[in-house]
């Protein structure tokens, strides 16, 4: 099932496109990951997903990488 945000307040406006919803959700998740979670919380979440955390300091971006992946 795919869905996106709807604009129920004004039925004349089209539904919010799925791709924009996905971009919004990804941007917010990355922001929460980078700003609000501690390093220990990020490691715990990654471990729960069977992943490990690699931090790229120059870009200040956190990436989840599968063990053994290049």
C-alpha atoms as a PDB file:
ATOM      1  CA  UNK A   1       0.000   0.000   0.000  1.00  0.00           C
ATOM      2  CA  UNK A   2       1.330   3.433  -0.917  1.00  0.00           C
ATOM      3  CA  UNK A   3       0.062   6.638   0.540  1.00  0.00           C
ATOM      4  CA  UNK A   4       0.927  10.293   0.851  1.00  0.00           C
ATOM      5  CA  UNK A   5      -0.349  13.258   2.787  1.00  0.00           C
ATOM      6  CA  UNK A   6      -3.758  14.508   1.777  1.00  0.00           C
ATOM      7  CA  UNK A   7      -4.891  18.080   1.833  1.00  0.00           C
ATOM      8  CA  UNK A   8      -8.255  17.485   3.448  1.00  0.00           C
ATOM      9  CA  UNK A   9      -8.736  21.139   4.365  1.00  0.00           C
ATOM     10  CA  UNK A  10      -9.154  22.160   0.728  1.00  0.00           C
ATOM     11  CA  UNK A  11     -10.591  19.437  -1.522  1.00  0.00           C
ATOM     12  CA  UNK A  12      -9.688  21.491  -4.610  1.00  0.00           C
ATOM     13  CA  UNK A  13      -5.979  20.884  -4.004  1.00  0.00           C
ATOM     14  CA  UNK A  14      -4.476  17.594  -5.189  1.00  0.00           C
ATOM     15  CA  UNK A  15      -3.122  15.025  -2.747  1.00  0.00           C
ATOM     16  CA  UNK A  16       0.466  15.546  -1.622  1.00  0.00           C
ATOM     17  CA  UNK A  17       2.589  13.446  -4.042  1.00  0.00           C
ATOM     18  CA  UNK A  18       4.095  10.274  -2.590  1.00  0.00           C
ATOM     19  CA  UNK A  19       7.612  11.175  -3.707  1.00  0.00           C
ATOM     20  CA  UNK A  20       7.454  14.470  -1.797  1.00  0.00           C
ATOM     21  CA  UNK A  21       6.157  12.692   1.287  1.00  0.00           C
ATOM     22  CA  UNK A  22       9.046  10.215   1.074  1.00  0.00           C
ATOM     23  CA  UNK A  23      11.576  13.039   0.703  1.00  0.00           C
ATOM     24  CA  UNK A  24      10.036  14.885   3.679  1.00  0.00           C
ATOM     25  CA  UNK A  25      10.134  11.757   5.825  1.00  0.00           C
ATOM     26  CA  UNK A  26      13.738  10.948   4.848  1.00  0.00           C
ATOM     27  CA  UNK A  27      14.915  14.502   5.543  1.00  0.00           C
ATOM     28  CA  UNK A  28      13.206  14.551   8.934  1.00  0.00           C
ATOM     29  CA  UNK A  29      14.573  11.123   9.880  1.00  0.00           C
ATOM     30  CA  UNK A  30      18.107  12.209   8.964  1.00  0.00           C
ATOM     31  CA  UNK A  31      17.714  15.430  10.962  1.00  0.00           C
ATOM     32  CA  UNK A  32      16.435  13.549  14.019  1.00  0.00           C
ATOM     33  CA  UNK A  33      19.245  10.996  13.655  1.00  0.00           C
ATOM     34  CA  UNK A  34      21.943  13.672  13.422  1.00  0.00           C
ATOM     35  CA  UNK A  35      20.619  16.198  15.941  1.00  0.00           C
ATOM     36  CA  UNK A  36      18.607  14.421  18.621  1.00  0.00           C
ATOM     37  CA  UNK A  37      20.041  10.923  19.000  1.00  0.00           C
ATOM     38  CA  UNK A  38      23.192  10.323  20.985  1.00  0.00           C
ATOM     39  CA  UNK A  39      25.986   8.173  19.566  1.00  0.00           C
ATOM     40  CA  UNK A  40      24.918   5.353  21.903  1.00  0.00           C
ATOM     41  CA  UNK A  41      21.307   5.570  20.712  1.00  0.00           C
ATOM     42  CA  UNK A  42      22.422   5.484  17.059  1.00  0.00           C
ATOM     43  CA  UNK A  43      24.621   2.442  17.740  1.00  0.00           C
ATOM     44  CA  UNK A  44      21.776   0.699  19.581  1.00  0.00           C
ATOM     45  CA  UNK A  45      19.292   1.311  16.753  1.00  0.00           C
ATOM     46  CA  UNK A  46      21.814   0.207  14.134  1.00  0.00           C
ATOM     47  CA  UNK A  47      22.649  -2.942  16.116  1.00  0.00           C
ATOM     48  CA  UNK A  48      18.935  -3.747  16.384  1.00  0.00           C
ATOM     49  CA  UNK A  49      18.773  -3.598  12.587  1.00  0.00           C
ATOM     50  CA  UNK A  50      21.866  -5.782  12.223  1.00  0.00           C
ATOM     51  CA  UNK A  51      23.901  -2.799  10.984  1.00  0.00           C
ATOM     52  CA  UNK A  52      26.728  -0.651  12.282  1.00  0.00           C
ATOM     53  CA  UNK A  53      27.182   3.111  12.214  1.00  0.00           C
ATOM     54  CA  UNK A  54      29.889   4.870  10.226  1.00  0.00           C
ATOM     55  CA  UNK A  55      30.219   8.610  10.701  1.00  0.00           C
ATOM     56  CA  UNK A  56      31.659  10.835   7.988  1.00  0.00           C
ATOM     57  CA  UNK A  57      32.928  13.849   9.971  1.00  0.00           C
ATOM     58  CA  UNK A  58      33.600  16.104   6.964  1.00  0.00           C
ATOM     59  CA  UNK A  59      30.012  15.921   5.787  1.00  0.00           C
ATOM     60  CA  UNK A  60      28.608  15.366   9.293  1.00  0.00           C
ATOM     61  CA  UNK A  61      26.439  12.612   7.853  1.00  0.00           C
ATOM     62  CA  UNK A  62      25.668   9.318   9.539  1.00  0.00           C
ATOM     63  CA  UNK A  63      25.394   6.273   7.304  1.00  0.00           C
ATOM     64  CA  UNK A  64      24.140   2.815   8.198  1.00  0.00           C
ATOM     65  CA  UNK A  65      26.243   0.122   6.568  1.00  0.00           C
ATOM     66  CA  UNK A  66      25.664  -3.618   6.489  1.00  0.00           C
ATOM     67  CA  UNK A  67      28.609  -5.491   8.025  1.00  0.00           C
ATOM     68  CA  UNK A  68      30.898  -6.683   5.243  1.00  0.00           C
ATOM     69  CA  UNK A  69      29.462  -4.244   2.693  1.00  0.00           C
ATOM     70  CA  UNK A  70      31.894  -2.050   0.812  1.00  0.00           C
END
